[in-house]
Amino acid sequence: MSSQKFTLRELQSYTGQRKGDPILLGLNGVVYDVSTGAAFYGPGNGYSVFAGRDSTIGLAKGSLLRDVMPGPGEAPTTMDMLSEAEQTAALTWEKRLKQKYPVVGVLVKEEELKSK
């Protein structure tokens, strides 16, 4: 999969529900392929709530609740939406993900794709 732009609506398709599809998650505007971590992020597993989503707020807050994260049609999370402690937590997660999983794209607002 080449580096590409994903809206939150597009990202929601990559949860690992369909056999052969990658498991993707967004964090700090970057999209990671976490398929090799399917034991964590795959359907029914502990961190599956983050698959196919902008997981920045959830990971920063340590929350497994879907409703704290932006949904399809909403704008991706930016760091200025987080408290200082949450920014630190998000950056810690970012470092961890960068070490383990390939970057496959970036998160963009839907208007950004429509205007091109």
N, C-alpha and C. Protein backbone atom coordinates (compact mmCIF):
# COMPACT_ATOMS: atom_id res chain seq x y z
N MET A 1 0.86 -1.17 0.00
CA MET A 1 0.00 0.00 0.00
C MET A 1 0.90 1.23 0.00
N SER A 2 0.70 2.10 -0.92
CA SER A 2 1.53 3.30 -1.00
C SER A 2 1.00 4.38 -0.04
N SER A 3 1.84 5.38 0.22
CA SER A 3 1.43 6.48 1.09
C SER A 3 0.29 7.23 0.42
N GLN A 4 -0.79 7.45 1.16
CA GLN A 4 -1.94 8.13 0.57
C GLN A 4 -2.65 8.97 1.62
N LYS A 5 -3.66 9.70 1.16
CA LYS A 5 -4.46 10.54 2.03
C LYS A 5 -5.75 9.80 2.36
N PHE A 6 -6.10 9.81 3.65
CA PHE A 6 -7.31 9.15 4.12
C PHE A 6 -8.18 10.16 4.85
N THR A 7 -9.48 10.14 4.56
CA THR A 7 -10.43 10.84 5.41
C THR A 7 -10.85 9.84 6.50
N LEU A 8 -11.48 10.34 7.53
CA LEU A 8 -11.95 9.43 8.59
C LEU A 8 -12.99 8.46 8.04
N ARG A 9 -13.77 8.92 7.07
CA ARG A 9 -14.78 8.05 6.44
C ARG A 9 -14.10 6.89 5.71
N GLU A 10 -13.01 7.18 5.00
CA GLU A 10 -12.29 6.12 4.28
C GLU A 10 -11.58 5.19 5.25
N LEU A 11 -11.00 5.75 6.28
CA LEU A 11 -10.23 4.96 7.24
C LEU A 11 -11.09 3.91 7.94
N GLN A 12 -12.37 4.21 8.15
CA GLN A 12 -13.24 3.30 8.89
C GLN A 12 -13.39 1.92 8.24
N SER A 13 -13.00 1.78 6.98
CA SER A 13 -13.10 0.49 6.28
C SER A 13 -11.97 -0.47 6.64
N TYR A 14 -10.95 0.03 7.31
CA TYR A 14 -9.75 -0.77 7.55
C TYR A 14 -9.66 -1.25 9.00
N THR A 15 -10.59 -2.10 9.38
CA THR A 15 -10.65 -2.60 10.75
C THR A 15 -10.23 -4.06 10.88
N GLY A 16 -9.97 -4.69 9.74
CA GLY A 16 -9.63 -6.11 9.77
C GLY A 16 -10.84 -7.02 9.72
N GLN A 17 -12.02 -6.45 9.56
CA GLN A 17 -13.25 -7.26 9.48
C GLN A 17 -13.29 -8.10 8.21
N ARG A 18 -12.80 -7.51 7.11
CA ARG A 18 -12.79 -8.24 5.84
C ARG A 18 -11.44 -8.93 5.68
N LYS A 19 -11.47 -10.21 5.45
CA LYS A 19 -10.25 -11.01 5.30
C LYS A 19 -9.37 -10.43 4.20
N GLY A 20 -8.10 -10.24 4.51
CA GLY A 20 -7.14 -9.74 3.54
C GLY A 20 -6.95 -8.23 3.57
N ASP A 21 -7.88 -7.50 4.19
CA ASP A 21 -7.73 -6.05 4.29
C ASP A 21 -6.77 -5.71 5.43
N PRO A 22 -6.00 -4.66 5.26
CA PRO A 22 -5.11 -4.25 6.35
C PRO A 22 -5.90 -3.64 7.51
N ILE A 23 -5.26 -3.60 8.66
CA ILE A 23 -5.82 -2.92 9.83
C ILE A 23 -5.04 -1.61 9.96
N LEU A 24 -5.75 -0.50 9.83
CA LEU A 24 -5.12 0.81 9.88
C LEU A 24 -5.64 1.60 11.07
N LEU A 25 -4.79 2.47 11.58
CA LEU A 25 -5.25 3.44 12.58
C LEU A 25 -4.50 4.73 12.39
N GLY A 26 -5.17 5.82 12.75
CA GLY A 26 -4.57 7.14 12.65
C GLY A 26 -4.14 7.63 14.02
N LEU A 27 -3.02 8.35 14.04
CA LEU A 27 -2.52 8.96 15.26
C LEU A 27 -1.74 10.20 14.88
N ASN A 28 -2.11 11.34 15.45
CA ASN A 28 -1.43 12.61 15.17
C ASN A 28 -1.33 12.90 13.68
N GLY A 29 -2.38 12.58 12.94
CA GLY A 29 -2.44 12.88 11.52
C GLY A 29 -1.75 11.88 10.61
N VAL A 30 -1.18 10.83 11.18
CA VAL A 30 -0.45 9.81 10.40
C VAL A 30 -1.24 8.51 10.47
N VAL A 31 -1.25 7.76 9.36
CA VAL A 31 -1.96 6.48 9.31
C VAL A 31 -0.93 5.36 9.30
N TYR A 32 -1.11 4.42 10.23
CA TYR A 32 -0.21 3.28 10.38
C TYR A 32 -0.94 2.00 9.99
N ASP A 33 -0.19 1.07 9.39
CA ASP A 33 -0.70 -0.27 9.11
C ASP A 33 -0.31 -1.15 10.29
N VAL A 34 -1.26 -1.44 11.16
CA VAL A 34 -0.99 -2.22 12.37
C VAL A 34 -1.42 -3.68 12.20
N SER A 35 -1.48 -4.13 10.96
CA SER A 35 -1.93 -5.50 10.67
C SER A 35 -1.11 -6.56 11.38
N THR A 36 0.18 -6.34 11.52
CA THR A 36 1.01 -7.33 12.21
C THR A 36 0.71 -7.36 13.71
N GLY A 37 -0.01 -6.38 14.20
CA GLY A 37 -0.45 -6.36 15.59
C GLY A 37 -1.92 -6.75 15.71
N ALA A 38 -2.38 -7.62 14.82
CA ALA A 38 -3.79 -8.03 14.81
C ALA A 38 -4.23 -8.63 16.14
N ALA A 39 -3.31 -9.22 16.88
CA ALA A 39 -3.65 -9.78 18.19
C ALA A 39 -4.10 -8.68 19.16
N PHE A 40 -3.71 -7.45 18.88
CA PHE A 40 -4.13 -6.31 19.70
C PHE A 40 -5.27 -5.53 19.03
N TYR A 41 -5.08 -5.22 17.73
CA TYR A 41 -5.97 -4.30 17.03
C TYR A 41 -7.04 -4.98 16.18
N GLY A 42 -6.94 -6.29 16.01
CA GLY A 42 -7.90 -7.01 15.18
C GLY A 42 -9.27 -7.12 15.83
N PRO A 43 -10.27 -7.51 15.05
CA PRO A 43 -11.65 -7.61 15.54
C PRO A 43 -11.74 -8.44 16.82
N GLY A 44 -12.42 -7.88 17.82
CA GLY A 44 -12.64 -8.58 19.07
C GLY A 44 -11.49 -8.51 20.07
N ASN A 45 -10.39 -7.90 19.70
CA ASN A 45 -9.23 -7.83 20.60
C ASN A 45 -9.22 -6.51 21.37
N GLY A 46 -8.37 -6.42 22.37
CA GLY A 46 -8.36 -5.33 23.33
C GLY A 46 -8.32 -3.92 22.77
N TYR A 47 -7.54 -3.71 21.71
CA TYR A 47 -7.41 -2.37 21.14
C TYR A 47 -8.14 -2.23 19.80
N SER A 48 -9.06 -3.14 19.52
CA SER A 48 -9.79 -3.09 18.24
C SER A 48 -10.59 -1.80 18.07
N VAL A 49 -10.91 -1.13 19.17
CA VAL A 49 -11.66 0.13 19.11
C VAL A 49 -10.88 1.19 18.34
N PHE A 50 -9.56 1.07 18.26
CA PHE A 50 -8.74 2.05 17.56
C PHE A 50 -8.60 1.76 16.06
N ALA A 51 -8.90 0.55 15.64
CA ALA A 51 -8.76 0.17 14.23
C ALA A 51 -9.76 0.94 13.37
N GLY A 52 -9.27 1.48 12.26
CA GLY A 52 -10.13 2.21 11.34
C GLY A 52 -10.56 3.57 11.85
N ARG A 53 -9.83 4.11 12.81
CA ARG A 53 -10.22 5.39 13.42
C ARG A 53 -9.01 6.29 13.62
N ASP A 54 -9.30 7.57 13.86
CA ASP A 54 -8.28 8.49 14.35
C ASP A 54 -8.24 8.23 15.85
N SER A 55 -7.23 7.53 16.29
CA SER A 55 -7.16 7.07 17.68
C SER A 55 -6.44 8.04 18.61
N THR A 56 -6.08 9.20 18.12
CA THR A 56 -5.28 10.15 18.90
C THR A 56 -5.88 10.44 20.26
N ILE A 57 -7.15 10.85 20.31
CA ILE A 57 -7.77 11.20 21.58
C ILE A 57 -7.89 9.98 22.49
N GLY A 58 -8.32 8.86 21.93
CA GLY A 58 -8.48 7.65 22.74
C GLY A 58 -7.18 7.21 23.37
N LEU A 59 -6.11 7.18 22.59
CA LEU A 59 -4.82 6.78 23.14
C LEU A 59 -4.28 7.82 24.11
N ALA A 60 -4.46 9.08 23.80
CA ALA A 60 -3.96 10.15 24.67
C ALA A 60 -4.67 10.14 26.02
N LYS A 61 -5.95 9.80 26.03
CA LYS A 61 -6.73 9.79 27.26
C LYS A 61 -6.73 8.41 27.93
N GLY A 62 -6.18 7.41 27.23
CA GLY A 62 -6.23 6.06 27.77
C GLY A 62 -7.65 5.52 27.80
N SER A 63 -8.45 5.91 26.81
CA SER A 63 -9.86 5.55 26.76
C SER A 63 -10.15 4.56 25.62
N LEU A 64 -10.93 3.54 25.94
CA LEU A 64 -11.37 2.59 24.93
C LEU A 64 -12.79 2.88 24.45
N LEU A 65 -13.28 4.08 24.73
CA LEU A 65 -14.62 4.47 24.31
C LEU A 65 -14.58 5.10 22.92
N ARG A 66 -15.37 4.55 22.02
CA ARG A 66 -15.41 5.08 20.65
C ARG A 66 -15.88 6.52 20.59
N ASP A 67 -16.79 6.90 21.48
CA ASP A 67 -17.38 8.23 21.38
C ASP A 67 -16.44 9.36 21.75
N VAL A 68 -15.25 9.08 22.28
CA VAL A 68 -14.29 10.16 22.53
C VAL A 68 -13.49 10.49 21.27
N MET A 69 -13.53 9.58 20.29
CA MET A 69 -12.76 9.77 19.05
C MET A 69 -13.65 10.31 17.94
N PRO A 70 -13.07 11.11 17.04
CA PRO A 70 -13.89 11.65 15.94
C PRO A 70 -14.37 10.53 15.02
N GLY A 71 -15.55 10.73 14.47
CA GLY A 71 -16.13 9.74 13.59
C GLY A 71 -16.10 10.18 12.14
N PRO A 72 -16.64 9.35 11.24
CA PRO A 72 -16.67 9.67 9.82
C PRO A 72 -17.34 11.03 9.59
N GLY A 73 -16.76 11.82 8.71
CA GLY A 73 -17.30 13.13 8.40
C GLY A 73 -16.77 14.23 9.29
N GLU A 74 -16.10 13.87 10.38
CA GLU A 74 -15.52 14.86 11.27
C GLU A 74 -14.06 15.11 10.90
N ALA A 75 -13.49 16.15 11.47
CA ALA A 75 -12.09 16.49 11.20
C ALA A 75 -11.18 15.63 12.07
N PRO A 76 -10.02 15.27 11.55
CA PRO A 76 -9.04 14.55 12.37
C PRO A 76 -8.60 15.39 13.56
N THR A 77 -8.15 14.71 14.59
CA THR A 77 -7.66 15.37 15.80
C THR A 77 -6.36 16.10 15.53
N THR A 78 -6.22 17.28 16.12
CA THR A 78 -4.94 17.99 16.07
C THR A 78 -4.42 18.10 17.49
N MET A 79 -3.13 18.25 17.62
CA MET A 79 -2.50 18.27 18.94
C MET A 79 -3.03 19.41 19.82
N ASP A 80 -3.43 20.51 19.20
CA ASP A 80 -3.91 21.63 20.02
C ASP A 80 -5.27 21.34 20.67
N MET A 81 -5.90 20.24 20.32
CA MET A 81 -7.15 19.82 20.95
C MET A 81 -6.90 19.08 22.26
N LEU A 82 -5.64 18.77 22.53
CA LEU A 82 -5.29 17.95 23.68
C LEU A 82 -4.63 18.79 24.77
N SER A 83 -4.78 18.34 26.00
CA SER A 83 -4.06 18.98 27.11
C SER A 83 -2.57 18.64 26.99
N GLU A 84 -1.77 19.30 27.78
CA GLU A 84 -0.33 19.04 27.74
C GLU A 84 -0.02 17.58 28.08
N ALA A 85 -0.68 17.05 29.10
CA ALA A 85 -0.46 15.65 29.49
C ALA A 85 -0.92 14.70 28.38
N GLU A 86 -2.03 15.02 27.73
CA GLU A 86 -2.53 14.19 26.63
C GLU A 86 -1.59 14.25 25.43
N GLN A 87 -1.03 15.43 25.16
CA GLN A 87 -0.06 15.54 24.07
C GLN A 87 1.15 14.66 24.34
N THR A 88 1.62 14.65 25.57
CA THR A 88 2.76 13.82 25.94
C THR A 88 2.42 12.34 25.73
N ALA A 89 1.23 11.94 26.16
CA ALA A 89 0.80 10.55 25.97
C ALA A 89 0.69 10.20 24.49
N ALA A 90 0.14 11.11 23.70
CA ALA A 90 -0.01 10.87 22.25
C ALA A 90 1.36 10.73 21.59
N LEU A 91 2.31 11.56 22.00
CA LEU A 91 3.66 11.47 21.43
C LEU A 91 4.36 10.18 21.83
N THR A 92 4.08 9.71 23.03
CA THR A 92 4.64 8.42 23.47
C THR A 92 4.09 7.29 22.62
N TRP A 93 2.78 7.31 22.36
CA TRP A 93 2.17 6.31 21.48
C TRP A 93 2.73 6.42 20.06
N GLU A 94 2.90 7.65 19.59
CA GLU A 94 3.43 7.86 18.24
C GLU A 94 4.81 7.21 18.11
N LYS A 95 5.66 7.42 19.08
CA LYS A 95 7.00 6.83 19.06
C LYS A 95 6.91 5.31 19.01
N ARG A 96 6.04 4.75 19.81
CA ARG A 96 5.85 3.29 19.86
C ARG A 96 5.37 2.76 18.50
N LEU A 97 4.37 3.42 17.93
CA LEU A 97 3.83 2.96 16.65
C LEU A 97 4.86 3.07 15.53
N LYS A 98 5.61 4.17 15.51
CA LYS A 98 6.62 4.36 14.47
C LYS A 98 7.69 3.28 14.51
N GLN A 99 7.98 2.78 15.70
CA GLN A 99 8.99 1.73 15.84
C GLN A 99 8.49 0.37 15.36
N LYS A 100 7.17 0.15 15.43
CA LYS A 100 6.63 -1.17 15.16
C LYS A 100 5.90 -1.34 13.84
N TYR A 101 5.33 -0.24 13.32
CA TYR A 101 4.42 -0.38 12.18
C TYR A 101 4.75 0.61 11.06
N PRO A 102 4.52 0.20 9.81
CA PRO A 102 4.78 1.12 8.69
C PRO A 102 3.73 2.23 8.58
N VAL A 103 4.20 3.39 8.19
CA VAL A 103 3.33 4.52 7.88
C VAL A 103 2.82 4.32 6.46
N VAL A 104 1.50 4.43 6.27
CA VAL A 104 0.92 4.23 4.94
C VAL A 104 0.21 5.45 4.40
N GLY A 105 0.08 6.49 5.23
CA GLY A 105 -0.60 7.68 4.73
C GLY A 105 -0.78 8.73 5.81
N VAL A 106 -1.62 9.70 5.46
CA VAL A 106 -1.93 10.81 6.38
C VAL A 106 -3.44 11.00 6.43
N LEU A 107 -3.89 11.58 7.54
CA LEU A 107 -5.31 11.91 7.69
C LEU A 107 -5.57 13.31 7.18
N VAL A 108 -6.67 13.46 6.45
CA VAL A 108 -7.04 14.78 5.94
C VAL A 108 -8.53 14.99 6.17
N LYS A 109 -8.93 16.24 6.17
CA LYS A 109 -10.34 16.60 6.24
C LYS A 109 -10.99 16.27 4.90
N GLU A 110 -12.25 15.92 4.91
CA GLU A 110 -12.94 15.57 3.68
C GLU A 110 -12.91 16.72 2.68
N GLU A 111 -13.02 17.97 3.18
CA GLU A 111 -13.01 19.13 2.27
C GLU A 111 -11.71 19.23 1.50
N GLU A 112 -10.62 18.79 2.10
CA GLU A 112 -9.32 18.87 1.43
C GLU A 112 -9.28 17.98 0.18
N LEU A 113 -9.91 16.83 0.24
CA LEU A 113 -9.93 15.94 -0.92
C LEU A 113 -10.93 16.42 -1.96
N LYS A 114 -12.06 16.95 -1.50
CA LYS A 114 -13.09 17.43 -2.42
C LYS A 114 -12.67 18.65 -3.21
N SER A 115 -11.79 19.46 -2.63
CA SER A 115 -11.39 20.70 -3.29
C SER A 115 -10.32 20.50 -4.36
N LYS A 116 -9.84 19.28 -4.50
CA LYS A 116 -8.77 19.04 -5.48
C LYS A 116 -9.29 18.35 -6.71
